Amino acid sequence: MRRTRAALLAAAVTLVSARGTANVPVSEIADAAGVSRQLVYLHYGDRDTLLFEAALDLARRELADPWGEAPAETISRERALAVTRHFAAHRGFYRAMFESSSAYALNQVVSALLAPLRSSSLRVRFGSVLPPRVADDLGVFITGGGTALMHAWVASCDEVLDPESMADRLLAVGEILTGALEGIQHPVPAQRAGD
């Protein structure tokens, strides 16, 4: 079962990347994975769900899981480069997915995977002035903006992607936000109940 799912996810990423479109027939994904078309429907229900799960699996394996082990304060150029290199390496796949009916859901899921990492680093660095809920909200806000920037970079740019330059862009935005937070002298008020 696990091997079948892994084969289907890998085949989906490979075919979508090669073709530059999410409109790959289920039968071709099944053939590439060495399974029957019925197994695709049994495991995922339809092609869009399979492709969405492939994107989620790819982002989780290469972005979220490795960082889950890293210290919370390591939001650095190394992490920014890991993100930009990931998206550049899988540009064909993400570009096709960002142009598919799953684009909104994909943005939401990638943001949801990465936001807790950002929130954790904010709590470590600014815990004395940011209540946990505000740190979580800022993590979602910052990550959502970063995901939107990555989406635009991957989907809109026709030139060769430069991960180094994009990492610098992400860090520049992060430095502005961090600088603003460092200027906070007094703790941010916690949210009132019901807000």
Protein backbone atom coordinates (compact mmCIF):
# COMPACT_ATOMS: atom_id res chain seq x y z
CA MET A 1 0.00 0.00 0.00
CA ARG A 2 2.71 2.49 1.01
CA ARG A 3 4.84 1.51 -1.98
CA THR A 4 1.88 1.99 -4.33
CA ARG A 5 1.18 5.46 -2.96
CA ALA A 6 4.85 6.46 -3.20
CA ALA A 7 5.02 5.21 -6.80
CA LEU A 8 1.87 7.14 -7.75
CA LEU A 9 3.08 10.36 -6.12
CA ALA A 10 6.49 10.11 -7.81
CA ALA A 11 4.93 9.33 -11.19
CA ALA A 12 2.58 12.29 -10.86
CA VAL A 13 5.44 14.70 -10.10
CA THR A 14 7.58 13.31 -12.92
CA LEU A 15 4.85 13.44 -15.59
CA VAL A 16 3.50 16.86 -14.64
CA SER A 17 7.06 18.26 -14.51
CA ALA A 18 7.93 16.82 -17.92
CA ARG A 19 4.76 18.02 -19.60
CA GLY A 20 4.36 21.35 -17.87
CA THR A 21 0.67 20.76 -17.30
CA ALA A 22 -1.51 19.16 -14.66
CA ASN A 23 -3.70 17.71 -17.43
CA VAL A 24 -2.01 14.31 -17.40
CA PRO A 25 -4.42 11.38 -17.83
CA VAL A 26 -4.86 9.08 -14.84
CA SER A 27 -4.08 6.10 -17.06
CA GLU A 28 -0.62 7.51 -17.86
CA ILE A 29 0.16 8.19 -14.20
CA ALA A 30 -0.94 4.66 -13.33
CA ASP A 31 1.18 3.17 -16.15
CA ALA A 32 4.24 5.17 -15.05
CA ALA A 33 3.73 3.96 -11.47
CA GLY A 34 3.24 0.37 -12.59
CA VAL A 35 -0.24 0.07 -11.09
CA SER A 36 -3.78 -0.17 -12.39
CA ARG A 37 -5.91 2.89 -12.98
CA GLN A 38 -8.39 1.50 -10.46
CA LEU A 39 -5.76 1.80 -7.72
CA VAL A 40 -5.45 5.51 -8.45
CA TYR A 41 -9.18 5.93 -7.90
CA LEU A 42 -9.13 3.66 -4.85
CA HIS A 43 -6.33 5.62 -3.15
CA TYR A 44 -7.11 9.16 -4.30
CA GLY A 45 -10.55 9.32 -5.87
CA ASP A 46 -9.49 11.47 -8.84
CA ARG A 47 -6.51 12.98 -10.62
CA ASP A 48 -6.75 16.40 -8.94
CA THR A 49 -6.58 14.85 -5.48
CA LEU A 50 -3.61 12.71 -6.52
CA LEU A 51 -1.75 15.75 -7.90
CA PHE A 52 -2.57 17.81 -4.82
CA GLU A 53 -1.30 15.00 -2.57
CA ALA A 54 1.85 14.73 -4.70
CA ALA A 55 2.54 18.44 -4.18
CA LEU A 56 1.86 18.16 -0.46
CA ASP A 57 4.15 15.12 -0.16
CA LEU A 58 6.94 16.86 -2.07
CA ALA A 59 6.76 20.02 0.05
CA ARG A 60 6.51 18.04 3.29
CA ARG A 61 9.48 15.76 2.48
CA GLU A 62 11.82 18.45 1.17
CA LEU A 63 10.81 21.53 3.15
CA ALA A 64 8.81 20.89 6.31
CA ASP A 65 10.19 17.58 7.60
CA PRO A 66 13.90 18.49 7.42
CA TRP A 67 13.25 21.77 9.23
CA GLY A 68 11.10 20.21 11.92
CA GLU A 69 14.34 18.87 13.40
CA ALA A 70 16.22 22.18 13.14
CA PRO A 71 16.36 24.71 15.96
CA ALA A 72 13.60 27.29 15.79
CA GLU A 73 15.96 30.23 15.51
CA THR A 74 17.60 29.04 12.29
CA ILE A 75 15.58 31.18 9.86
CA SER A 76 18.62 32.05 7.82
CA ARG A 77 20.01 32.35 4.33
CA GLU A 78 20.49 28.58 4.41
CA ARG A 79 16.75 28.05 4.90
CA ALA A 80 15.82 30.71 2.34
CA LEU A 81 18.15 29.03 -0.17
CA ALA A 82 16.65 25.62 0.61
CA VAL A 83 13.19 26.99 -0.23
CA THR A 84 14.23 28.76 -3.41
CA ARG A 85 16.31 25.80 -4.60
CA HIS A 86 13.39 23.47 -3.94
CA PHE A 87 10.99 25.57 -6.00
CA ALA A 88 13.56 26.09 -8.78
CA ALA A 89 14.35 22.36 -8.93
CA HIS A 90 10.66 21.49 -9.18
CA ARG A 91 9.64 24.50 -11.25
CA GLY A 92 7.88 22.53 -13.97
CA PHE A 93 5.73 20.73 -11.44
CA TYR A 94 4.87 23.77 -9.32
CA ARG A 95 4.28 26.00 -12.33
CA ALA A 96 1.76 23.50 -13.70
CA MET A 97 0.14 23.13 -10.29
CA PHE A 98 -0.06 26.90 -9.78
CA GLU A 99 -1.94 27.08 -13.09
CA SER A 100 -4.32 24.25 -12.17
CA SER A 101 -7.60 24.23 -10.29
CA SER A 102 -5.62 23.22 -7.20
CA ALA A 103 -3.55 26.45 -7.08
CA TYR A 104 -5.40 28.08 -4.18
CA ALA A 105 -5.42 24.89 -2.11
CA LEU A 106 -1.73 24.32 -2.87
CA ASN A 107 -0.82 27.82 -1.65
CA GLN A 108 -2.84 27.23 1.52
CA VAL A 109 -1.24 23.87 2.26
CA VAL A 110 2.35 24.98 1.61
CA SER A 111 1.73 27.99 3.87
CA ALA A 112 0.21 25.74 6.54
CA LEU A 113 3.25 23.45 6.41
CA LEU A 114 5.75 26.27 6.78
CA ALA A 115 3.90 28.75 9.04
CA PRO A 116 4.50 26.81 12.28
CA LEU A 117 8.25 26.93 11.60
CA ARG A 118 8.11 30.72 11.18
CA SER A 119 5.86 31.11 14.26
CA SER A 120 8.26 29.04 16.33
CA SER A 121 11.22 31.19 15.34
CA LEU A 122 9.23 34.35 16.17
CA ARG A 123 8.35 32.98 19.62
CA VAL A 124 12.00 32.16 20.29
CA ARG A 125 13.24 35.57 19.18
CA PHE A 126 10.38 37.84 20.33
CA GLY A 127 8.60 35.82 23.00
CA SER A 128 8.97 38.57 25.59
CA VAL A 129 6.95 41.05 23.48
CA LEU A 130 4.74 38.80 21.33
CA PRO A 131 1.96 36.72 22.85
CA PRO A 132 1.87 33.21 21.35
CA ARG A 133 -1.29 33.93 19.33
CA VAL A 134 0.27 37.04 17.78
CA ALA A 135 3.42 35.05 16.92
CA ASP A 136 1.23 32.40 15.28
CA ASP A 137 -0.72 35.03 13.34
CA LEU A 138 2.49 36.72 12.19
CA GLY A 139 3.90 33.34 11.16
CA VAL A 140 0.86 32.69 8.96
CA PHE A 141 0.96 36.24 7.56
CA ILE A 142 4.66 36.17 6.72
CA THR A 143 4.60 32.65 5.31
CA GLY A 144 1.52 33.39 3.19
CA GLY A 145 3.28 36.39 1.68
CA GLY A 146 6.42 34.35 1.07
CA THR A 147 4.38 31.61 -0.60
CA ALA A 148 2.67 34.19 -2.82
CA LEU A 149 6.08 35.58 -3.78
CA MET A 150 7.35 32.08 -4.61
CA HIS A 151 4.21 31.44 -6.66
CA ALA A 152 4.79 34.60 -8.69
CA TRP A 153 8.48 33.79 -9.14
CA VAL A 154 7.87 30.23 -10.34
CA ALA A 155 4.76 30.83 -12.43
CA SER A 156 5.31 34.27 -13.93
CA CYS A 157 9.01 34.45 -14.63
CA ASP A 158 10.05 33.11 -18.05
CA GLU A 159 13.77 33.39 -17.48
CA VAL A 160 16.04 30.90 -15.75
CA LEU A 161 15.34 31.02 -12.03
CA ASP A 162 18.13 32.28 -9.79
CA PRO A 163 17.64 30.75 -6.32
CA GLU A 164 20.44 32.87 -4.82
CA SER A 165 18.81 36.13 -5.90
CA MET A 166 15.35 35.04 -4.74
CA ALA A 167 16.75 33.94 -1.37
CA ASP A 168 18.23 37.42 -0.99
CA ARG A 169 14.83 38.95 -1.84
CA LEU A 170 13.10 36.80 0.79
CA LEU A 171 15.71 37.69 3.38
CA ALA A 172 15.42 41.42 2.60
CA VAL A 173 11.69 41.30 3.29
CA GLY A 174 12.33 39.27 6.44
CA GLU A 175 14.89 41.79 7.69
CA ILE A 176 12.41 44.65 7.30
CA LEU A 177 9.79 42.74 9.30
CA THR A 178 12.30 41.66 11.92
CA GLY A 179 13.55 45.23 12.24
CA ALA A 180 10.01 46.43 12.83
CA LEU A 181 9.51 43.79 15.53
CA GLU A 182 12.80 44.68 17.21
CA GLY A 183 11.50 48.24 17.55
CA ILE A 184 8.67 47.09 19.83
CA GLN A 185 9.52 48.32 23.32
CA HIS A 186 6.58 46.94 25.26
CA PRO A 187 4.70 43.65 25.02
CA VAL A 188 1.95 43.54 22.39
CA PRO A 189 -1.42 43.21 24.15
CA ALA A 190 -2.91 39.74 24.02
CA GLN A 191 -6.15 39.31 22.12
CA ARG A 192 -9.33 39.66 24.04
CA ALA A 193 -11.50 36.58 24.40
CA GLY A 194 -13.86 36.27 21.47
CA ASP A 195 -11.58 38.20 19.04
